[in-house]
C-alpha atoms as a PDB file:
ATOM      1  CA  MET A   1     -12.235 146.687 177.740  1.00  0.00           C
ATOM      2  CA  ALA A   2     -13.777 144.087 180.022  1.00  0.00           C
ATOM      3  CA  LYS A   3     -15.722 142.949 176.803  1.00  0.00           C
ATOM      4  CA  GLU A   4     -12.550 142.646 175.100  1.00  0.00           C
ATOM      5  CA  LEU A   5     -11.164 140.420 177.642  1.00  0.00           C
ATOM      6  CA  SER A   6     -13.970 138.205 178.077  1.00  0.00           C
ATOM      7  CA  ALA A   7     -14.206 137.976 174.315  1.00  0.00           C
ATOM      8  CA  ARG A   8     -10.575 136.928 174.323  1.00  0.00           C
ATOM      9  CA  ARG A   9     -11.353 134.359 176.988  1.00  0.00           C
ATOM     10  CA  VAL A  10     -14.175 132.691 175.038  1.00  0.00           C
ATOM     11  CA  LYS A  11     -11.782 132.839 171.923  1.00  0.00           C
ATOM     12  CA  TYR A  12      -9.087 131.169 173.700  1.00  0.00           C
ATOM     13  CA  SER A  13     -11.455 128.393 175.216  1.00  0.00           C
ATOM     14  CA  LEU A  14     -12.928 127.572 171.860  1.00  0.00           C
ATOM     15  CA  LEU A  15      -9.355 127.279 170.110  1.00  0.00           C
ATOM     16  CA  GLY A  16      -8.336 125.047 173.197  1.00  0.00           C
ATOM     17  CA  ILE A  17      -5.713 127.597 174.261  1.00  0.00           C
ATOM     18  CA  SER A  18      -5.462 128.016 177.932  1.00  0.00           C
ATOM     19  CA  MET A  19      -4.371 131.464 179.437  1.00  0.00           C
ATOM     20  CA  ASP A  20      -2.573 131.138 182.688  1.00  0.00           C
ATOM     21  CA  SER A  21      -3.545 133.469 185.324  1.00  0.00           C
ATOM     22  CA  GLU A  22      -0.094 135.270 185.178  1.00  0.00           C
ATOM     23  CA  GLN A  23      -0.679 136.016 181.362  1.00  0.00           C
ATOM     24  CA  ALA A  24      -4.195 137.154 182.224  1.00  0.00           C
ATOM     25  CA  GLN A  25      -3.177 139.342 184.924  1.00  0.00           C
ATOM     26  CA  ALA A  26      -0.328 140.855 182.393  1.00  0.00           C
ATOM     27  CA  ASN A  27      -3.049 141.449 179.891  1.00  0.00           C
ATOM     28  CA  LYS A  28      -5.353 143.237 182.561  1.00  0.00           C
ATOM     29  CA  LEU A  29      -2.563 145.274 183.668  1.00  0.00           C
ATOM     30  CA  ALA A  30      -1.782 146.608 180.235  1.00  0.00           C
ATOM     31  CA  TRP A  31      -5.436 147.162 179.426  1.00  0.00           C
ATOM     32  CA  ASP A  32      -5.532 149.184 182.683  1.00  0.00           C
ATOM     33  CA  ARG A  33      -2.562 151.256 181.868  1.00  0.00           C
ATOM     34  CA  LEU A  34      -4.000 151.946 178.479  1.00  0.00           C
ATOM     35  CA  GLY A  35      -7.281 153.054 179.932  1.00  0.00           C
ATOM     36  CA  THR A  36      -5.379 155.141 182.559  1.00  0.00           C
ATOM     37  CA  LEU A  37      -3.378 156.833 179.602  1.00  0.00           C
ATOM     38  CA  LEU A  38      -6.608 157.478 177.636  1.00  0.00           C
ATOM     39  CA  ALA A  39      -8.233 158.977 180.517  1.00  0.00           C
ATOM     40  CA  GLN A  40      -5.554 161.215 181.094  1.00  0.00           C
ATOM     41  CA  LEU A  41      -5.381 162.388 177.496  1.00  0.00           C
ATOM     42  CA  GLY A  42      -9.057 163.188 177.387  1.00  0.00           C
ATOM     43  CA  PRO A  43     -11.558 163.382 174.751  1.00  0.00           C
ATOM     44  CA  PRO A  44     -10.334 163.525 171.275  1.00  0.00           C
ATOM     45  CA  VAL A  45     -10.034 166.803 169.407  1.00  0.00           C
ATOM     46  CA  GLU A  46     -13.225 167.774 167.445  1.00  0.00           C
ATOM     47  CA  GLN A  47     -12.425 167.371 163.948  1.00  0.00           C
ATOM     48  CA  PRO A  48     -14.290 170.062 161.540  1.00  0.00           C
ATOM     49  CA  LYS A  49     -16.711 167.955 159.419  1.00  0.00           C
ATOM     50  CA  LYS A  50     -15.825 167.848 155.805  1.00  0.00           C
ATOM     51  CA  GLU A  51     -18.511 169.080 153.238  1.00  0.00           C
ATOM     52  CA  THR A  52     -19.861 166.551 151.050  1.00  0.00           C
ATOM     53  CA  ILE A  53     -19.512 167.614 147.484  1.00  0.00           C
ATOM     54  CA  TYR A  54     -22.116 166.125 144.844  1.00  0.00           C
ATOM     55  CA  VAL A  55     -20.285 165.012 141.804  1.00  0.00           C
ATOM     56  CA  HIS A  56     -22.732 164.494 138.939  1.00  0.00           C
ATOM     57  CA  THR A  57     -22.023 161.368 136.945  1.00  0.00           C
ATOM     58  CA  PRO A  58     -23.825 159.597 134.071  1.00  0.00           C
ATOM     59  CA  TYR A  59     -23.950 156.518 136.305  1.00  0.00           C
ATOM     60  CA  TYR A  60     -26.482 157.919 138.716  1.00  0.00           C
ATOM     61  CA  ASP A  61     -28.567 159.274 136.035  1.00  0.00           C
ATOM     62  CA  THR A  62     -28.728 155.813 134.435  1.00  0.00           C
ATOM     63  CA  MET A  63     -29.344 153.925 137.858  1.00  0.00           C
ATOM     64  CA  ASN A  64     -32.168 156.749 138.554  1.00  0.00           C
ATOM     65  CA  HIS A  65     -33.609 155.889 134.978  1.00  0.00           C
ATOM     66  CA  PHE A  66     -33.643 152.160 135.577  1.00  0.00           C
ATOM     67  CA  PHE A  67     -35.432 152.710 139.055  1.00  0.00           C
ATOM     68  CA  GLY A  68     -37.970 155.024 137.477  1.00  0.00           C
ATOM     69  CA  GLU A  69     -38.459 152.539 134.699  1.00  0.00           C
ATOM     70  CA  PHE A  70     -38.919 149.587 137.418  1.00  0.00           C
ATOM     71  CA  MET A  71     -41.383 151.621 139.382  1.00  0.00           C
ATOM     72  CA  ARG A  72     -43.575 152.722 136.401  1.00  0.00           C
ATOM     73  CA  ARG A  73     -43.767 149.010 135.323  1.00  0.00           C
ATOM     74  CA  ASN A  74     -44.730 147.776 138.680  1.00  0.00           C
ATOM     75  CA  LYS A  75     -46.913 150.605 139.700  1.00  0.00           C
ATOM     76  CA  GLY A  76     -50.194 148.519 139.591  1.00  0.00           C
ATOM     77  CA  ARG A  77     -48.959 145.165 140.715  1.00  0.00           C
ATOM     78  CA  ASN A  78     -50.653 143.246 143.377  1.00  0.00           C
ATOM     79  CA  LEU A  79     -48.227 142.812 146.332  1.00  0.00           C
ATOM     80  CA  ASP A  80     -50.807 140.872 148.736  1.00  0.00           C
ATOM     81  CA  SER A  81     -49.306 137.573 148.474  1.00  0.00           C
ATOM     82  CA  ILE A  82     -45.927 138.866 149.170  1.00  0.00           C
ATOM     83  CA  LEU A  83     -47.102 140.951 152.033  1.00  0.00           C
ATOM     84  CA  GLU A  84     -48.760 137.905 153.712  1.00  0.00           C
ATOM     85  CA  LYS A  85     -45.614 136.016 153.952  1.00  0.00           C
ATOM     86  CA  ASN A  86     -44.471 138.589 156.630  1.00  0.00           C
ATOM     87  CA  ILE A  87     -40.868 138.657 155.355  1.00  0.00           C
ATOM     88  CA  PHE A  88     -40.488 142.511 155.341  1.00  0.00           C
ATOM     89  CA  TYR A  89     -40.055 144.324 158.660  1.00  0.00           C
ATOM     90  CA  GLU A  90     -39.723 148.141 158.858  1.00  0.00           C
ATOM     91  CA  SER A  91     -38.021 148.993 162.192  1.00  0.00           C
ATOM     92  CA  GLY A  92     -37.890 152.755 162.275  1.00  0.00           C
ATOM     93  CA  SER A  93     -35.147 155.052 161.022  1.00  0.00           C
ATOM     94  CA  SER A  94     -31.175 155.285 161.044  1.00  0.00           C
ATOM     95  CA  ARG A  95     -29.328 158.045 162.730  1.00  0.00           C
ATOM     96  CA  VAL A  96     -29.335 159.931 159.437  1.00  0.00           C
ATOM     97  CA  ASN A  97     -33.084 159.347 159.177  1.00  0.00           C
ATOM     98  CA  PHE A  98     -33.064 156.835 156.375  1.00  0.00           C
ATOM     99  CA  ILE A  99     -35.940 154.158 156.569  1.00  0.00           C
ATOM    100  CA  ILE A 100     -34.779 150.847 157.911  1.00  0.00           C
ATOM    101  CA  ASN A 101     -36.384 147.984 156.073  1.00  0.00           C
ATOM    102  CA  ILE A 102     -35.220 144.202 157.054  1.00  0.00           C
ATOM    103  CA  ILE A 103     -36.104 141.126 154.968  1.00  0.00           C
ATOM    104  CA  ILE A 104     -36.664 137.936 157.181  1.00  0.00           C
ATOM    105  CA  LYS A 105     -35.741 134.801 155.380  1.00  0.00           C
END
């Protein structure tokens, strides 16, 4: 909540809108009340995770075919000139173990 208030102050200062101390105090009080209420309610109830159902569609078959064709065409391609530019950065994996690659422009 403190981040929200500081972000709001920055927003108001950039727009040229001044927030007087009474308004700031009222905002802080409202956020404090909301925080107290959320603390009293406790953590949210755990919802059962929905199962992901795989739906077979021709679109994915086509895209997979194009990707396979692209990979076959570029199998022997020399990528040294692209790699020397250092525009790709691999930063590990995501929460669901996908590899994260970043293109630096």
